[in-house]
Amino acid sequence: MLSSYKKSEEFVWLKEVDSVALQQSLRDLDRAYKNFFAKRAAMPKFKSKHNHNKSYRTQCINGNIAVAGKYIKLPKLGYVKAKISMPVTGKINNATIEQVSSGKYFCVLNVEVEQPIYENAGRIIGIDVGIKEFYSDSNGNTVDNPKYLDKSMRKLVKEQRKLSHMTKFSKNWNKQRIIVARIHEKITNQRNDFLHRESTKLLRENQIICIEDLNVKGMVHNHKLAKNISDVSWSKFFDMLEYKSAFYGSEIVRVPRFYASSQTCNICGYKHIQVKNLSVREWICPECGTYHDRDINAAINIKEKGLSLLAEQVA
């Protein structure tokens, strides 16, 4: 049908587009419908050309995709000037070209390379994530939450208010929409940079990292904490730890979410029910008299629980 459409007057514009990209779109649509009928995904939605996020994927055939100096070669487009973020070595399989809400264009290359293996320092650590502190570890260290959204909120509110007063889809509205999108983009870039640095640091230093198996989607339903939980991006942080662990030969152990890590004394095992209240940040164990910082105590318990789960797997 695609070949016949190209010959018709109504769809003659299809000849202007990379033919492999058109075929790939049909494959993606076919997969989307199969996932829908298999009840693995929602019904595919029609994507208008007026959407702010646009993308397409094309395959590398006979060297039609290549990186040459400051240029990237793409089918039908030829050599396009680009900022190359890292050296491209290995066989290029495909390329995804995307225009994001801020108006910028990105090309993501899928390249076949050998998986790098790095060394780690061989330590073991437990991590308890939070909102005030991004995480506390079982060694007594804490990392502050940078709260990038809060820092940009005043500027974001100001620009969004301007946008809401403009006529939708007008030229001025579109200019203002891009200003708002670039603020969101900066916040996202800052957050991703922070998460990458922290996850890489943990994997370089540790052989085993124990974390909580949090139900983040359920926690976001708490309207008082939803904004802060979304901003701190625990799920993305855990995902980074998971996929990077293969590069460092590390192991990520998820402790069950219903384990009372904050309420349990890591010295004697006494469970203090009153600590369930989130406002209690420090407490003294009634059983053994040990002073506890809530988050560091939780991190120590997460570490011990994770190690016991590993021992059970080996046994």
C-alpha atoms as a PDB file:
ATOM      1  CA  MET A   1       0.000   0.000   0.000  1.00  0.00           C
ATOM      2  CA  LEU A   2       2.873   2.373   0.789  1.00  0.00           C
ATOM      3  CA  SER A   3       4.325   1.964  -2.713  1.00  0.00           C
ATOM      4  CA  SER A   4       0.951   2.679  -4.343  1.00  0.00           C
ATOM      5  CA  TYR A   5       0.381   5.737  -2.116  1.00  0.00           C
ATOM      6  CA  LYS A   6       3.661   7.260  -3.326  1.00  0.00           C
ATOM      7  CA  LYS A   7       2.414   7.088  -6.930  1.00  0.00           C
ATOM      8  CA  SER A   8      -0.884   8.847  -6.161  1.00  0.00           C
ATOM      9  CA  GLU A   9      -1.226  12.652  -6.415  1.00  0.00           C
ATOM     10  CA  GLU A  10      -2.758  12.913  -2.941  1.00  0.00           C
ATOM     11  CA  PHE A  11       0.269  11.385  -1.209  1.00  0.00           C
ATOM     12  CA  VAL A  12       3.045  12.502  -3.563  1.00  0.00           C
ATOM     13  CA  TRP A  13       4.746  14.219  -0.603  1.00  0.00           C
ATOM     14  CA  LEU A  14       5.681  10.762   0.723  1.00  0.00           C
ATOM     15  CA  LYS A  15       8.504  10.725  -1.856  1.00  0.00           C
ATOM     16  CA  GLU A  16      10.170  13.616  -0.033  1.00  0.00           C
ATOM     17  CA  VAL A  17      10.601  11.497   3.095  1.00  0.00           C
ATOM     18  CA  ASP A  18      13.185   8.783   3.811  1.00  0.00           C
ATOM     19  CA  SER A  19      11.539   5.538   2.603  1.00  0.00           C
ATOM     20  CA  VAL A  20      13.124   3.442   5.376  1.00  0.00           C
ATOM     21  CA  ALA A  21      11.693   5.809   8.000  1.00  0.00           C
ATOM     22  CA  LEU A  22       8.196   5.310   6.527  1.00  0.00           C
ATOM     23  CA  GLN A  23       8.618   1.535   6.656  1.00  0.00           C
ATOM     24  CA  GLN A  24       9.872   1.791  10.249  1.00  0.00           C
ATOM     25  CA  SER A  25       6.785   3.832  11.220  1.00  0.00           C
ATOM     26  CA  LEU A  26       4.566   1.047   9.854  1.00  0.00           C
ATOM     27  CA  ARG A  27       6.539  -1.560  11.818  1.00  0.00           C
ATOM     28  CA  ASP A  28       6.179   0.518  15.007  1.00  0.00           C
ATOM     29  CA  LEU A  29       2.434   0.903  14.379  1.00  0.00           C
ATOM     30  CA  ASP A  30       2.085  -2.856  13.829  1.00  0.00           C
ATOM     31  CA  ARG A  31       3.941  -3.554  17.085  1.00  0.00           C
ATOM     32  CA  ALA A  32       1.768  -1.014  18.936  1.00  0.00           C
ATOM     33  CA  TYR A  33      -1.436  -2.735  17.795  1.00  0.00           C
ATOM     34  CA  LYS A  34      -0.071  -6.182  18.662  1.00  0.00           C
ATOM     35  CA  ASN A  35       0.802  -4.931  22.171  1.00  0.00           C
ATOM     36  CA  PHE A  36      -2.688  -3.423  22.474  1.00  0.00           C
ATOM     37  CA  PHE A  37      -4.518  -6.627  21.472  1.00  0.00           C
ATOM     38  CA  ALA A  38      -2.222  -8.636  23.747  1.00  0.00           C
ATOM     39  CA  LYS A  39      -3.264  -6.226  26.577  1.00  0.00           C
ATOM     40  CA  ARG A  40       0.332  -5.114  27.129  1.00  0.00           C
ATOM     41  CA  ALA A  41      -0.295  -1.465  26.230  1.00  0.00           C
ATOM     42  CA  ALA A  42      -2.990   1.147  25.614  1.00  0.00           C
ATOM     43  CA  MET A  43      -4.632   1.839  22.254  1.00  0.00           C
ATOM     44  CA  PRO A  44      -2.214   3.623  19.850  1.00  0.00           C
ATOM     45  CA  LYS A  45      -2.979   7.339  19.525  1.00  0.00           C
ATOM     46  CA  PHE A  46      -2.900   9.382  16.342  1.00  0.00           C
ATOM     47  CA  LYS A  47       0.113  11.696  16.355  1.00  0.00           C
ATOM     48  CA  SER A  48      -0.506  15.033  14.686  1.00  0.00           C
ATOM     49  CA  LYS A  49       2.280  16.917  12.914  1.00  0.00           C
ATOM     50  CA  HIS A  50       1.389  19.816  15.223  1.00  0.00           C
ATOM     51  CA  ASN A  51       2.623  17.930  18.309  1.00  0.00           C
ATOM     52  CA  HIS A  52       5.478  19.717  20.104  1.00  0.00           C
ATOM     53  CA  ASN A  53       7.497  16.490  20.386  1.00  0.00           C
ATOM     54  CA  LYS A  54       8.172  14.908  17.005  1.00  0.00           C
ATOM     55  CA  SER A  55      10.442  12.003  16.142  1.00  0.00           C
ATOM     56  CA  TYR A  56      11.174   9.347  13.565  1.00  0.00           C
ATOM     57  CA  ARG A  57      13.546   6.392  13.320  1.00  0.00           C
ATOM     58  CA  THR A  58      15.509   5.185  10.310  1.00  0.00           C
ATOM     59  CA  GLN A  59      17.831   2.231   9.712  1.00  0.00           C
ATOM     60  CA  CYS A  60      21.461   2.380   8.606  1.00  0.00           C
ATOM     61  CA  ILE A  61      21.739   0.784   5.153  1.00  0.00           C
ATOM     62  CA  ASN A  62      24.905   0.906   3.018  1.00  0.00           C
ATOM     63  CA  GLY A  63      26.450   3.715   5.089  1.00  0.00           C
ATOM     64  CA  ASN A  64      23.557   6.171   4.692  1.00  0.00           C
ATOM     65  CA  ILE A  65      24.055   7.184   8.360  1.00  0.00           C
ATOM     66  CA  ALA A  66      27.534   8.277   9.412  1.00  0.00           C
ATOM     67  CA  VAL A  67      29.409  10.772  11.607  1.00  0.00           C
ATOM     68  CA  ALA A  68      32.049  12.892   9.883  1.00  0.00           C
ATOM     69  CA  GLY A  69      33.787  15.515  12.007  1.00  0.00           C
ATOM     70  CA  LYS A  70      31.203  18.125  13.017  1.00  0.00           C
ATOM     71  CA  TYR A  71      28.582  16.670  10.686  1.00  0.00           C
ATOM     72  CA  ILE A  72      26.187  13.752  10.740  1.00  0.00           C
ATOM     73  CA  LYS A  73      25.025  12.143   7.511  1.00  0.00           C
ATOM     74  CA  LEU A  74      21.301  11.281   7.409  1.00  0.00           C
ATOM     75  CA  PRO A  75      19.127   9.769   4.627  1.00  0.00           C
ATOM     76  CA  LYS A  76      17.450  12.387   2.398  1.00  0.00           C
ATOM     77  CA  LEU A  77      19.012  15.201   4.472  1.00  0.00           C
ATOM     78  CA  GLY A  78      22.660  14.659   3.623  1.00  0.00           C
ATOM     79  CA  TYR A  79      25.318  16.149   5.933  1.00  0.00           C
ATOM     80  CA  VAL A  80      23.811  18.117   8.835  1.00  0.00           C
ATOM     81  CA  LYS A  81      25.983  20.208  11.179  1.00  0.00           C
ATOM     82  CA  ALA A  82      25.763  18.887  14.737  1.00  0.00           C
ATOM     83  CA  LYS A  83      27.382  19.025  18.171  1.00  0.00           C
ATOM     84  CA  ILE A  84      28.711  15.485  18.651  1.00  0.00           C
ATOM     85  CA  SER A  85      28.465  14.649  22.371  1.00  0.00           C
ATOM     86  CA  MET A  86      30.887  11.685  22.272  1.00  0.00           C
ATOM     87  CA  PRO A  87      33.030   9.776  19.750  1.00  0.00           C
ATOM     88  CA  VAL A  88      31.031   7.254  17.718  1.00  0.00           C
ATOM     89  CA  THR A  89      32.861   3.940  17.347  1.00  0.00           C
ATOM     90  CA  GLY A  90      31.347   0.691  16.131  1.00  0.00           C
ATOM     91  CA  LYS A  91      28.575  -0.279  13.738  1.00  0.00           C
ATOM     92  CA  ILE A  92      25.630   2.151  13.532  1.00  0.00           C
ATOM     93  CA  ASN A  93      22.319   0.222  13.536  1.00  0.00           C
ATOM     94  CA  ASN A  94      19.767   3.029  13.428  1.00  0.00           C
ATOM     95  CA  ALA A  95      19.149   6.682  14.208  1.00  0.00           C
ATOM     96  CA  THR A  96      16.256   8.444  15.923  1.00  0.00           C
ATOM     97  CA  ILE A  97      15.771  12.100  15.008  1.00  0.00           C
ATOM     98  CA  GLU A  98      13.688  14.068  17.503  1.00  0.00           C
ATOM     99  CA  GLN A  99      12.479  17.619  17.898  1.00  0.00           C
ATOM    100  CA  VAL A 100      11.717  18.394  21.559  1.00  0.00           C
ATOM    101  CA  SER A 101       9.298  20.972  23.002  1.00  0.00           C
ATOM    102  CA  SER A 102      12.010  23.648  23.207  1.00  0.00           C
ATOM    103  CA  GLY A 103      12.471  23.475  19.424  1.00  0.00           C
ATOM    104  CA  LYS A 104      15.892  21.779  19.540  1.00  0.00           C
ATOM    105  CA  TYR A 105      16.726  18.780  17.361  1.00  0.00           C
ATOM    106  CA  PHE A 106      18.513  15.673  18.616  1.00  0.00           C
ATOM    107  CA  CYS A 107      19.831  12.618  16.797  1.00  0.00           C
ATOM    108  CA  VAL A 108      20.249   9.487  18.914  1.00  0.00           C
ATOM    109  CA  LEU A 109      22.421   6.791  17.354  1.00  0.00           C
ATOM    110  CA  ASN A 110      22.052   3.105  18.192  1.00  0.00           C
ATOM    111  CA  VAL A 111      25.618   1.774  17.902  1.00  0.00           C
ATOM    112  CA  GLU A 112      26.846  -1.801  18.278  1.00  0.00           C
ATOM    113  CA  VAL A 113      29.876  -1.809  20.602  1.00  0.00           C
ATOM    114  CA  GLU A 114      31.448  -4.123  23.159  1.00  0.00           C
ATOM    115  CA  GLN A 115      30.063  -3.574  26.640  1.00  0.00           C
ATOM    116  CA  PRO A 116      32.710  -1.824  28.783  1.00  0.00           C
ATOM    117  CA  ILE A 117      33.512  -3.322  32.185  1.00  0.00           C
ATOM    118  CA  TYR A 118      34.864  -1.020  34.904  1.00  0.00           C
ATOM    119  CA  GLU A 119      36.236  -1.822  38.340  1.00  0.00           C
ATOM    120  CA  ASN A 120      34.554  -1.029  41.649  1.00  0.00           C
ATOM    121  CA  ALA A 121      36.070  -0.655  45.114  1.00  0.00           C
ATOM    122  CA  GLY A 122      34.288  -3.787  46.423  1.00  0.00           C
ATOM    123  CA  ARG A 123      32.393  -2.168  49.318  1.00  0.00           C
ATOM    124  CA  ILE A 124      28.837  -2.873  50.512  1.00  0.00           C
ATOM    125  CA  ILE A 125      26.316  -0.097  51.193  1.00  0.00           C
ATOM    126  CA  GLY A 126      22.664   0.472  52.062  1.00  0.00           C
ATOM    127  CA  ILE A 127      20.751   3.468  50.692  1.00  0.00           C
ATOM    128  CA  ASP A 128      17.679   5.172  52.154  1.00  0.00           C
ATOM    129  CA  VAL A 129      16.238   7.823  49.822  1.00  0.00           C
ATOM    130  CA  GLY A 130      14.354  10.867  51.073  1.00  0.00           C
ATOM    131  CA  ILE A 131      13.096  14.336  50.173  1.00  0.00           C
ATOM    132  CA  LYS A 132      15.154  16.641  52.399  1.00  0.00           C
ATOM    133  CA  GLU A 133      18.281  14.531  51.905  1.00  0.00           C
ATOM    134  CA  PHE A 134      18.410  12.844  48.502  1.00  0.00           C
ATOM    135  CA  TYR A 135      19.783   9.761  50.217  1.00  0.00           C
ATOM    136  CA  SER A 136      21.459   8.658  53.437  1.00  0.00           C
ATOM    137  CA  ASP A 137      23.809   5.681  53.424  1.00  0.00           C
ATOM    138  CA  SER A 138      24.741   3.014  55.945  1.00  0.00           C
ATOM    139  CA  ASN A 139      28.150   4.664  56.487  1.00  0.00           C
ATOM    140  CA  GLY A 140      26.484   7.741  57.998  1.00  0.00           C
ATOM    141  CA  ASN A 141      26.863   9.987  54.937  1.00  0.00           C
ATOM    142  CA  THR A 142      24.067  12.089  53.473  1.00  0.00           C
ATOM    143  CA  VAL A 143      23.617  13.774  50.082  1.00  0.00           C
ATOM    144  CA  ASP A 144      21.416  16.871  49.955  1.00  0.00           C
ATOM    145  CA  ASN A 145      18.479  17.053  47.570  1.00  0.00           C
ATOM    146  CA  PRO A 146      19.355  19.862  45.077  1.00  0.00           C
ATOM    147  CA  LYS A 147      15.629  20.693  44.501  1.00  0.00           C
ATOM    148  CA  TYR A 148      16.140  22.109  41.005  1.00  0.00           C
ATOM    149  CA  LEU A 149      12.393  22.577  40.458  1.00  0.00           C
ATOM    150  CA  ASP A 150      12.019  24.726  43.585  1.00  0.00           C
ATOM    151  CA  LYS A 151      14.979  26.899  42.569  1.00  0.00           C
ATOM    152  CA  SER A 152      13.422  27.627  39.155  1.00  0.00           C
ATOM    153  CA  MET A 153       9.808  27.789  40.351  1.00  0.00           C
ATOM    154  CA  ARG A 154       9.543  31.592  40.589  1.00  0.00           C
ATOM    155  CA  LYS A 155      10.774  32.068  37.023  1.00  0.00           C
ATOM    156  CA  LEU A 156       8.651  29.157  35.768  1.00  0.00           C
ATOM    157  CA  VAL A 157       5.456  30.506  37.362  1.00  0.00           C
ATOM    158  CA  LYS A 158       6.099  33.967  35.904  1.00  0.00           C
ATOM    159  CA  GLU A 159       6.577  32.651  32.351  1.00  0.00           C
ATOM    160  CA  GLN A 160       3.675  30.187  32.571  1.00  0.00           C
ATOM    161  CA  ARG A 161       1.382  32.987  33.727  1.00  0.00           C
ATOM    162  CA  LYS A 162       2.341  35.009  30.650  1.00  0.00           C
ATOM    163  CA  LEU A 163       1.609  31.976  28.458  1.00  0.00           C
ATOM    164  CA  SER A 164      -1.844  31.431  29.971  1.00  0.00           C
ATOM    165  CA  HIS A 165      -2.918  34.992  29.041  1.00  0.00           C
ATOM    166  CA  MET A 166      -2.010  34.617  25.346  1.00  0.00           C
ATOM    167  CA  THR A 167      -4.167  33.461  22.450  1.00  0.00           C
ATOM    168  CA  LYS A 168      -3.469  29.794  21.870  1.00  0.00           C
ATOM    169  CA  PHE A 169      -1.454  28.892  18.730  1.00  0.00           C
ATOM    170  CA  SER A 170      -0.676  32.553  17.939  1.00  0.00           C
ATOM    171  CA  LYS A 171       2.927  33.551  17.077  1.00  0.00           C
ATOM    172  CA  ASN A 172       3.492  35.179  20.471  1.00  0.00           C
ATOM    173  CA  TRP A 173       1.968  32.161  22.230  1.00  0.00           C
ATOM    174  CA  ASN A 174       4.347  29.829  20.395  1.00  0.00           C
ATOM    175  CA  LYS A 175       7.367  32.002  21.316  1.00  0.00           C
ATOM    176  CA  GLN A 176       6.291  32.020  24.962  1.00  0.00           C
ATOM    177  CA  ARG A 177       5.636  28.252  24.885  1.00  0.00           C
ATOM    178  CA  ILE A 178       9.268  27.712  23.829  1.00  0.00           C
ATOM    179  CA  ILE A 179      10.492  29.932  26.710  1.00  0.00           C
ATOM    180  CA  VAL A 180       8.520  27.801  29.191  1.00  0.00           C
ATOM    181  CA  ALA A 181       9.716  24.575  27.528  1.00  0.00           C
ATOM    182  CA  ARG A 182      13.360  25.661  27.822  1.00  0.00           C
ATOM    183  CA  ILE A 183      12.962  26.284  31.568  1.00  0.00           C
ATOM    184  CA  HIS A 184      11.557  22.757  31.956  1.00  0.00           C
ATOM    185  CA  GLU A 185      14.380  21.423  29.782  1.00  0.00           C
ATOM    186  CA  LYS A 186      17.023  23.092  31.966  1.00  0.00           C
ATOM    187  CA  ILE A 187      15.482  21.611  35.124  1.00  0.00           C
ATOM    188  CA  THR A 188      15.431  18.147  33.516  1.00  0.00           C
ATOM    189  CA  ASN A 189      19.058  18.458  32.368  1.00  0.00           C
ATOM    190  CA  GLN A 190      20.210  19.583  35.827  1.00  0.00           C
ATOM    191  CA  ARG A 191      18.353  16.709  37.484  1.00  0.00           C
ATOM    192  CA  ASN A 192      19.660  14.084  35.039  1.00  0.00           C
ATOM    193  CA  ASP A 193      23.230  15.340  35.439  1.00  0.00           C
ATOM    194  CA  PHE A 194      22.937  15.064  39.236  1.00  0.00           C
ATOM    195  CA  LEU A 195      21.424  11.553  39.064  1.00  0.00           C
ATOM    196  CA  HIS A 196      24.135  10.336  36.668  1.00  0.00           C
ATOM    197  CA  ARG A 197      26.932  11.679  38.867  1.00  0.00           C
ATOM    198  CA  GLU A 198      25.528  10.174  42.070  1.00  0.00           C
ATOM    199  CA  SER A 199      24.687   6.764  40.549  1.00  0.00           C
ATOM    200  CA  THR A 200      28.119   6.451  38.910  1.00  0.00           C
ATOM    201  CA  LYS A 201      29.857   7.437  42.155  1.00  0.00           C
ATOM    202  CA  LEU A 202      27.982   4.757  44.132  1.00  0.00           C
ATOM    203  CA  LEU A 203      28.748   2.043  41.569  1.00  0.00           C
ATOM    204  CA  ARG A 204      32.447   2.945  41.416  1.00  0.00           C
ATOM    205  CA  GLU A 205      32.730   2.608  45.190  1.00  0.00           C
ATOM    206  CA  ASN A 206      30.520  -0.426  45.910  1.00  0.00           C
ATOM    207  CA  GLN A 207      30.153  -4.067  44.887  1.00  0.00           C
ATOM    208  CA  ILE A 208      26.710  -4.493  46.522  1.00  0.00           C
ATOM    209  CA  ILE A 209      24.134  -1.692  46.826  1.00  0.00           C
ATOM    210  CA  CYS A 210      20.961  -2.353  48.825  1.00  0.00           C
ATOM    211  CA  ILE A 211      17.928  -0.154  48.087  1.00  0.00           C
ATOM    212  CA  GLU A 212      14.229  -0.096  48.921  1.00  0.00           C
ATOM    213  CA  ASP A 213      11.672  -1.414  46.435  1.00  0.00           C
ATOM    214  CA  LEU A 214       9.510   1.707  46.663  1.00  0.00           C
ATOM    215  CA  ASN A 215       6.023   2.064  45.154  1.00  0.00           C
ATOM    216  CA  VAL A 216       6.725   5.540  43.746  1.00  0.00           C
ATOM    217  CA  LYS A 217       3.530   5.632  41.615  1.00  0.00           C
ATOM    218  CA  GLY A 218       1.457   5.006  44.727  1.00  0.00           C
ATOM    219  CA  MET A 219       3.375   7.589  46.768  1.00  0.00           C
ATOM    220  CA  VAL A 220       2.721  10.296  44.146  1.00  0.00           C
ATOM    221  CA  HIS A 221      -1.005  10.020  44.957  1.00  0.00           C
ATOM    222  CA  ASN A 222      -0.208  11.876  48.187  1.00  0.00           C
ATOM    223  CA  HIS A 223      -0.987  15.415  46.938  1.00  0.00           C
ATOM    224  CA  LYS A 224       1.054  17.063  49.707  1.00  0.00           C
ATOM    225  CA  LEU A 225       4.253  15.315  48.607  1.00  0.00           C
ATOM    226  CA  ALA A 226       3.558  14.618  44.908  1.00  0.00           C
ATOM    227  CA  LYS A 227       5.565  17.573  43.550  1.00  0.00           C
ATOM    228  CA  ASN A 228       8.590  16.875  45.770  1.00  0.00           C
ATOM    229  CA  ILE A 229       8.532  13.121  45.023  1.00  0.00           C
ATOM    230  CA  SER A 230       8.340  13.758  41.274  1.00  0.00           C
ATOM    231  CA  ASP A 231      11.168  16.298  41.462  1.00  0.00           C
ATOM    232  CA  VAL A 232      13.517  13.993  43.379  1.00  0.00           C
ATOM    233  CA  SER A 233      13.158  11.224  40.696  1.00  0.00           C
ATOM    234  CA  TRP A 234      13.788   8.106  42.808  1.00  0.00           C
ATOM    235  CA  SER A 235      12.578   5.753  40.052  1.00  0.00           C
ATOM    236  CA  LYS A 236      15.005   7.174  37.489  1.00  0.00           C
ATOM    237  CA  PHE A 237      17.842   7.009  40.035  1.00  0.00           C
ATOM    238  CA  PHE A 238      17.132   3.329  40.750  1.00  0.00           C
ATOM    239  CA  ASP A 239      16.876   2.577  37.016  1.00  0.00           C
ATOM    240  CA  MET A 240      20.293   4.183  36.466  1.00  0.00           C
ATOM    241  CA  LEU A 241      21.782   2.040  39.234  1.00  0.00           C
ATOM    242  CA  GLU A 242      20.239  -1.090  37.673  1.00  0.00           C
ATOM    243  CA  TYR A 243      21.506  -0.629  34.111  1.00  0.00           C
ATOM    244  CA  LYS A 244      24.922   0.798  35.080  1.00  0.00           C
ATOM    245  CA  SER A 245      25.554  -2.085  37.509  1.00  0.00           C
ATOM    246  CA  ALA A 246      26.311  -4.322  34.488  1.00  0.00           C
ATOM    247  CA  PHE A 247      29.184  -1.974  33.508  1.00  0.00           C
ATOM    248  CA  TYR A 248      30.763  -2.071  36.983  1.00  0.00           C
ATOM    249  CA  GLY A 249      30.060  -5.703  37.881  1.00  0.00           C
ATOM    250  CA  SER A 250      28.003  -4.518  40.861  1.00  0.00           C
ATOM    251  CA  GLU A 251      24.830  -6.033  42.279  1.00  0.00           C
ATOM    252  CA  ILE A 252      21.671  -4.111  43.185  1.00  0.00           C
ATOM    253  CA  VAL A 253      19.522  -5.720  45.901  1.00  0.00           C
ATOM    254  CA  ARG A 254      15.951  -4.494  46.359  1.00  0.00           C
ATOM    255  CA  VAL A 255      14.585  -4.817  49.890  1.00  0.00           C
ATOM    256  CA  PRO A 256      10.777  -5.436  50.150  1.00  0.00           C
ATOM    257  CA  ARG A 257       8.824  -2.180  50.441  1.00  0.00           C
ATOM    258  CA  PHE A 258       6.925  -3.261  53.575  1.00  0.00           C
ATOM    259  CA  TYR A 259      10.104  -3.878  55.575  1.00  0.00           C
ATOM    260  CA  ALA A 260      10.056  -1.459  58.564  1.00  0.00           C
ATOM    261  CA  SER A 261      13.580  -0.115  58.062  1.00  0.00           C
ATOM    262  CA  SER A 262      12.970   3.253  59.793  1.00  0.00           C
ATOM    263  CA  GLN A 263      11.191   1.806  62.846  1.00  0.00           C
ATOM    264  CA  THR A 264      13.622  -1.025  63.650  1.00  0.00           C
ATOM    265  CA  CYS A 265      16.657  -0.476  65.892  1.00  0.00           C
ATOM    266  CA  ASN A 266      19.726  -1.705  64.011  1.00  0.00           C
ATOM    267  CA  ILE A 267      21.417  -2.668  67.311  1.00  0.00           C
ATOM    268  CA  CYS A 268      18.834  -4.763  69.189  1.00  0.00           C
ATOM    269  CA  GLY A 269      16.048  -5.178  66.600  1.00  0.00           C
ATOM    270  CA  TYR A 270      13.358  -3.437  68.691  1.00  0.00           C
ATOM    271  CA  LYS A 271      10.493  -2.071  66.535  1.00  0.00           C
ATOM    272  CA  HIS A 272       9.417   1.423  67.629  1.00  0.00           C
ATOM    273  CA  ILE A 273       5.937   1.971  66.129  1.00  0.00           C
ATOM    274  CA  GLN A 274       5.854   5.725  66.899  1.00  0.00           C
ATOM    275  CA  VAL A 275       8.708   6.288  64.415  1.00  0.00           C
ATOM    276  CA  LYS A 276       6.195   5.521  61.638  1.00  0.00           C
ATOM    277  CA  ASN A 277       5.295   9.221  61.916  1.00  0.00           C
ATOM    278  CA  LEU A 278       7.444  10.996  59.287  1.00  0.00           C
ATOM    279  CA  SER A 279       7.918  14.026  61.552  1.00  0.00           C
ATOM    280  CA  VAL A 280      10.088  11.918  63.899  1.00  0.00           C
ATOM    281  CA  ARG A 281      13.607  12.423  62.505  1.00  0.00           C
ATOM    282  CA  GLU A 282      15.592  11.283  65.557  1.00  0.00           C
ATOM    283  CA  TRP A 283      14.750   8.752  68.273  1.00  0.00           C
ATOM    284  CA  ILE A 284      16.217   6.777  71.170  1.00  0.00           C
ATOM    285  CA  CYS A 285      15.577   3.041  71.343  1.00  0.00           C
ATOM    286  CA  PRO A 286      13.500   2.255  74.490  1.00  0.00           C
ATOM    287  CA  GLU A 287      15.066  -1.206  74.639  1.00  0.00           C
ATOM    288  CA  CYS A 288      18.847  -0.567  74.396  1.00  0.00           C
ATOM    289  CA  GLY A 289      18.996   3.265  74.682  1.00  0.00           C
ATOM    290  CA  THR A 290      20.797   3.774  71.344  1.00  0.00           C
ATOM    291  CA  TYR A 291      20.359   7.173  69.669  1.00  0.00           C
ATOM    292  CA  HIS A 292      19.238   6.935  66.012  1.00  0.00           C
ATOM    293  CA  ASP A 293      19.081   9.304  63.093  1.00  0.00           C
ATOM    294  CA  ARG A 294      15.961   8.062  61.288  1.00  0.00           C
ATOM    295  CA  ASP A 295      17.434   7.894  57.744  1.00  0.00           C
ATOM    296  CA  ILE A 296      20.874   6.534  58.633  1.00  0.00           C
ATOM    297  CA  ASN A 297      19.286   3.867  60.846  1.00  0.00           C
ATOM    298  CA  ALA A 298      17.011   2.919  57.923  1.00  0.00           C
ATOM    299  CA  ALA A 299      20.015   2.700  55.555  1.00  0.00           C
ATOM    300  CA  ILE A 300      21.857   0.360  57.965  1.00  0.00           C
ATOM    301  CA  ASN A 301      18.755  -1.860  58.241  1.00  0.00           C
ATOM    302  CA  ILE A 302      18.323  -1.885  54.446  1.00  0.00           C
ATOM    303  CA  LYS A 303      21.945  -3.011  54.080  1.00  0.00           C
ATOM    304  CA  GLU A 304      21.550  -5.846  56.620  1.00  0.00           C
ATOM    305  CA  LYS A 305      18.232  -6.964  55.110  1.00  0.00           C
ATOM    306  CA  GLY A 306      19.711  -6.917  51.607  1.00  0.00           C
ATOM    307  CA  LEU A 307      22.668  -9.064  52.700  1.00  0.00           C
ATOM    308  CA  SER A 308      20.307 -11.557  54.367  1.00  0.00           C
ATOM    309  CA  LEU A 309      18.273 -11.784  51.134  1.00  0.00           C
ATOM    310  CA  LEU A 310      21.479 -12.477  49.176  1.00  0.00           C
ATOM    311  CA  ALA A 311      22.471 -15.183  51.678  1.00  0.00           C
ATOM    312  CA  GLU A 312      19.053 -16.832  51.247  1.00  0.00           C
ATOM    313  CA  GLN A 313      19.490 -16.855  47.455  1.00  0.00           C
ATOM    314  CA  VAL A 314      22.894 -18.538  47.772  1.00  0.00           C
ATOM    315  CA  ALA A 315      21.535 -21.091  50.236  1.00  0.00           C
END
